[in-house]
Amino acid sequence: MDNYDFYAGKVLTFLPLVILSIIAVILIWPNSRKKFLRIQASLPTSKINSVAMGLVEIQGKLIMKEPLISPVAKEQCIGYYYTIEDITKDKDGKDSYTTIHRETKCNVFEMQDDSGTIEIQAEGIELILLKETNVDFGGQKRYTETLLKNGQEMLLVGSADSRNGHSYIRKDAGNKILGITSVAGISVWNKYQPLLRSFLFTCIVISVLIILILSQ
């Protein structure tokens, strides 16, 4: 019993550090969304009529050219991110969800600011930090879609290029990035992300100090 109590105490002592370490790994583990957020934070916002060739960030209203019909609500939209999830119940009777299908579709569209309009070649686009637009349920499945709509104010990061004297934006081949997010959402993210990282670092330092004190 003494050995059991000893090892149980050790586990409980190190558990907070393990949990915080897992959270830290999740936050810093590289993926396309994190790459978008990192690059976006370092790029100035360019006026559409004066974008330089290469990786750019622009902000403006979306203009629909050829509509898509969304799979859940059958709404006209510029593009959508769509998921299907299986619904199961855990031992406590709570619903849990497992994604079995996901897809992003988007037609060519335009963005407009007070300086002009530019075409967006949407192949490979990723919708970042956008709220779900419509949710439906049926047959133990949940169907969710996030839509890009005409007139939305958005921020986009991609590669500016030119064809026959006309500028357009496409997926950046080097960074493999073409991402779009809401202006309001990215403003909140940029404001509070440094605070989150600072809080996490402080918690890890405190946990290490507690472990060192308790292990003596």
Protein backbone atom coordinates (compact mmCIF):
# COMPACT_ATOMS: atom_id res chain seq x y z
CA MET A 1 0.00 0.00 0.00
CA ASP A 2 2.87 2.34 0.80
CA ASN A 3 4.34 1.77 -2.65
CA TYR A 4 0.94 2.35 -4.23
CA ASP A 5 0.51 5.64 -2.37
CA PHE A 6 4.03 6.66 -3.34
CA TYR A 7 3.52 6.06 -7.07
CA ALA A 8 0.01 7.53 -6.99
CA GLY A 9 1.43 10.67 -5.45
CA LYS A 10 4.10 10.87 -8.14
CA VAL A 11 1.47 10.52 -10.86
CA LEU A 12 -0.70 13.25 -9.34
CA THR A 13 2.34 15.50 -8.97
CA PHE A 14 3.32 15.26 -12.63
CA LEU A 15 -0.23 15.13 -14.06
CA PRO A 16 -0.71 18.93 -14.36
CA LEU A 17 2.57 19.26 -16.26
CA VAL A 18 1.61 16.40 -18.59
CA ILE A 19 -1.77 17.99 -19.31
CA LEU A 20 -0.25 21.41 -19.95
CA SER A 21 2.43 19.86 -22.15
CA ILE A 22 -0.22 18.14 -24.26
CA ILE A 23 -2.10 21.43 -24.64
CA ALA A 24 1.12 23.21 -25.61
CA VAL A 25 1.92 20.58 -28.26
CA ILE A 26 -1.60 20.92 -29.71
CA LEU A 27 -1.23 24.70 -29.88
CA ILE A 28 2.17 24.66 -31.61
CA TRP A 29 1.77 21.52 -33.77
CA PRO A 30 2.03 22.70 -37.40
CA ASN A 31 -0.99 22.58 -39.72
CA SER A 32 -2.40 24.71 -42.52
CA ARG A 33 -4.59 26.77 -40.19
CA LYS A 34 -1.67 27.66 -37.92
CA LYS A 35 0.46 28.49 -40.96
CA PHE A 36 -2.26 30.86 -42.19
CA LEU A 37 -2.53 32.56 -38.79
CA ARG A 38 1.26 32.90 -38.47
CA ILE A 39 1.71 34.34 -41.96
CA GLN A 40 -1.34 36.59 -41.64
CA ALA A 41 0.02 38.11 -38.43
CA SER A 42 3.25 39.09 -40.21
CA LEU A 43 1.74 40.51 -43.41
CA PRO A 44 0.51 44.07 -43.87
CA THR A 45 -2.90 44.45 -45.48
CA SER A 46 -2.50 45.59 -49.10
CA LYS A 47 -4.86 47.75 -51.11
CA ILE A 48 -6.34 45.69 -53.92
CA ASN A 49 -5.38 48.10 -56.70
CA SER A 50 -1.72 48.09 -55.66
CA VAL A 51 -0.97 44.49 -54.66
CA ALA A 52 2.60 43.41 -55.38
CA MET A 53 3.19 40.05 -57.00
CA GLY A 54 3.73 37.29 -54.46
CA LEU A 55 2.28 36.52 -51.05
CA VAL A 56 -0.29 39.14 -50.02
CA GLU A 57 -3.04 39.87 -47.54
CA ILE A 58 -6.15 41.73 -48.66
CA GLN A 59 -9.41 42.71 -47.01
CA GLY A 60 -12.73 43.47 -48.63
CA LYS A 61 -16.26 42.45 -49.53
CA LEU A 62 -16.93 39.20 -51.38
CA ILE A 63 -18.55 39.42 -54.80
CA MET A 64 -20.24 36.28 -56.14
CA LYS A 65 -19.78 35.50 -59.83
CA GLU A 66 -21.28 32.03 -60.29
CA PRO A 67 -23.25 30.64 -57.31
CA LEU A 68 -22.99 27.23 -55.72
CA ILE A 69 -25.92 25.58 -53.93
CA SER A 70 -24.99 24.56 -50.39
CA PRO A 71 -25.54 20.89 -49.46
CA VAL A 72 -27.40 21.44 -46.16
CA ALA A 73 -29.67 24.48 -46.47
CA LYS A 74 -29.64 24.68 -50.29
CA GLU A 75 -28.56 28.32 -50.13
CA GLN A 76 -26.80 30.17 -52.91
CA CYS A 77 -23.23 30.83 -51.90
CA ILE A 78 -19.74 31.48 -53.22
CA GLY A 79 -18.30 28.42 -51.50
CA TYR A 80 -18.71 26.12 -48.53
CA TYR A 81 -16.98 23.80 -46.07
CA TYR A 82 -19.18 20.76 -45.45
CA THR A 83 -18.90 17.92 -42.93
CA ILE A 84 -20.88 14.78 -42.12
CA GLU A 85 -20.48 13.27 -38.64
CA ASP A 86 -21.68 10.02 -37.09
CA ILE A 87 -23.49 10.53 -33.79
CA THR A 88 -22.94 8.00 -31.00
CA LYS A 89 -23.66 8.08 -27.28
CA ASP A 90 -21.03 7.51 -24.60
CA LYS A 91 -21.61 5.59 -21.37
CA ASP A 92 -23.10 8.71 -19.76
CA GLY A 93 -25.62 9.13 -22.57
CA LYS A 94 -23.91 12.17 -24.05
CA ASP A 95 -23.62 12.54 -27.81
CA SER A 96 -20.18 12.29 -29.40
CA TYR A 97 -19.35 13.05 -33.02
CA THR A 98 -16.98 11.39 -35.49
CA THR A 99 -16.30 13.08 -38.83
CA ILE A 100 -16.78 10.65 -41.73
CA HIS A 101 -16.78 13.15 -44.60
CA ARG A 102 -15.50 16.65 -45.22
CA GLU A 103 -15.19 18.76 -48.33
CA THR A 104 -14.54 22.33 -49.42
CA LYS A 105 -15.96 23.70 -52.66
CA CYS A 106 -15.64 27.25 -53.92
CA ASN A 107 -16.16 28.97 -57.27
CA VAL A 108 -14.09 31.81 -58.61
CA PHE A 109 -15.13 35.05 -56.91
CA GLU A 110 -13.98 38.63 -56.46
CA MET A 111 -13.02 40.81 -53.52
CA GLN A 112 -13.54 44.56 -53.42
CA ASP A 113 -12.14 47.32 -51.21
CA ASP A 114 -12.25 51.10 -51.58
CA SER A 115 -9.44 50.95 -54.14
CA GLY A 116 -10.70 48.32 -56.57
CA THR A 117 -11.65 44.71 -57.29
CA ILE A 118 -9.59 41.57 -57.81
CA GLU A 119 -10.45 38.02 -58.89
CA ILE A 120 -9.80 35.09 -56.55
CA GLN A 121 -8.97 31.74 -58.13
CA ALA A 122 -10.44 29.63 -55.34
CA GLU A 123 -8.92 26.21 -56.00
CA GLY A 124 -7.40 24.93 -52.75
CA ILE A 125 -8.97 27.62 -50.57
CA GLU A 126 -9.37 26.95 -46.84
CA LEU A 127 -11.98 28.56 -44.59
CA ILE A 128 -10.31 29.59 -41.32
CA LEU A 129 -11.97 30.29 -37.94
CA LEU A 130 -15.42 30.75 -39.48
CA LYS A 131 -18.59 29.92 -37.57
CA GLU A 132 -20.94 27.21 -38.78
CA THR A 133 -23.72 28.64 -40.94
CA ASN A 134 -26.22 25.76 -40.98
CA VAL A 135 -26.57 22.47 -39.08
CA ASP A 136 -29.00 19.63 -39.74
CA PHE A 137 -29.55 16.16 -38.23
CA GLY A 138 -30.87 12.89 -39.64
CA GLY A 139 -30.25 9.15 -39.43
CA GLN A 140 -27.81 9.42 -36.50
CA LYS A 141 -25.73 11.91 -38.45
CA ARG A 142 -25.00 15.61 -38.15
CA TYR A 143 -24.60 17.69 -41.31
CA THR A 144 -22.77 21.01 -41.00
CA GLU A 145 -21.86 23.71 -43.49
CA THR A 146 -19.92 26.95 -43.30
CA LEU A 147 -20.69 29.31 -46.17
CA LEU A 148 -18.97 32.14 -48.00
CA LYS A 149 -21.67 34.58 -49.08
CA ASN A 150 -21.97 37.60 -51.31
CA GLY A 151 -21.23 40.84 -49.44
CA GLN A 152 -19.33 39.35 -46.48
CA GLU A 153 -16.34 41.36 -45.22
CA MET A 154 -13.39 38.99 -45.26
CA LEU A 155 -9.59 38.84 -45.04
CA LEU A 156 -7.69 36.64 -47.49
CA VAL A 157 -4.07 35.50 -47.77
CA GLY A 158 -2.78 34.10 -51.04
CA SER A 159 -0.41 34.74 -53.92
CA ALA A 160 -0.99 37.67 -56.26
CA ASP A 161 -0.28 36.93 -59.91
CA SER A 162 -0.99 38.51 -63.28
CA ARG A 163 -2.40 37.25 -66.57
CA ASN A 164 -2.78 39.39 -69.70
CA GLY A 165 -2.29 42.51 -67.60
CA HIS A 166 -4.99 41.59 -65.07
CA SER A 167 -4.10 40.77 -61.46
CA TYR A 168 -5.66 37.85 -59.57
CA ILE A 169 -4.97 35.85 -56.42
CA ARG A 170 -4.44 32.10 -56.24
CA LYS A 171 -3.04 29.52 -53.82
CA ASP A 172 0.59 30.24 -53.02
CA ALA A 173 2.71 27.38 -54.35
CA GLY A 174 5.62 27.84 -51.96
CA ASN A 175 3.72 28.21 -48.69
CA LYS A 176 0.76 26.17 -49.98
CA ILE A 177 -1.65 28.71 -48.60
CA LEU A 178 -4.90 30.28 -49.75
CA GLY A 179 -6.95 31.06 -46.67
CA ILE A 180 -9.92 33.24 -45.89
CA THR A 181 -11.39 34.35 -42.59
CA SER A 182 -13.73 36.98 -41.20
CA VAL A 183 -12.30 40.40 -40.39
CA ALA A 184 -13.99 40.45 -36.98
CA GLY A 185 -12.82 36.92 -36.09
CA ILE A 186 -9.17 37.48 -37.00
CA SER A 187 -9.11 40.75 -35.05
CA VAL A 188 -10.19 38.92 -31.90
CA TRP A 189 -7.67 36.13 -32.55
CA ASN A 190 -4.76 38.55 -33.06
CA LYS A 191 -5.72 40.42 -29.89
CA TYR A 192 -5.98 37.46 -27.52
CA GLN A 193 -3.55 34.89 -28.97
CA PRO A 194 -0.46 36.50 -27.31
CA LEU A 195 -2.31 36.51 -23.98
CA LEU A 196 -3.15 32.82 -24.38
CA ARG A 197 0.46 31.91 -25.10
CA SER A 198 1.67 33.99 -22.16
CA PHE A 199 -0.88 32.36 -19.86
CA LEU A 200 0.11 28.87 -21.01
CA PHE A 201 3.82 29.60 -20.52
CA THR A 202 3.15 30.96 -17.02
CA CYS A 203 1.12 27.85 -16.11
CA ILE A 204 3.90 25.55 -17.28
CA VAL A 205 6.53 27.46 -15.28
CA ILE A 206 4.35 27.36 -12.14
CA SER A 207 3.70 23.63 -12.63
CA VAL A 208 7.43 22.92 -12.95
CA LEU A 209 8.14 24.90 -9.77
CA ILE A 210 5.42 23.04 -7.86
CA ILE A 211 6.79 19.68 -9.03
CA LEU A 212 10.31 20.62 -7.98
CA ILE A 213 9.10 21.70 -4.55
CA LEU A 214 6.96 18.59 -3.99
CA SER A 215 9.64 16.20 -5.23
CA GLN A 216 12.19 17.36 -2.64
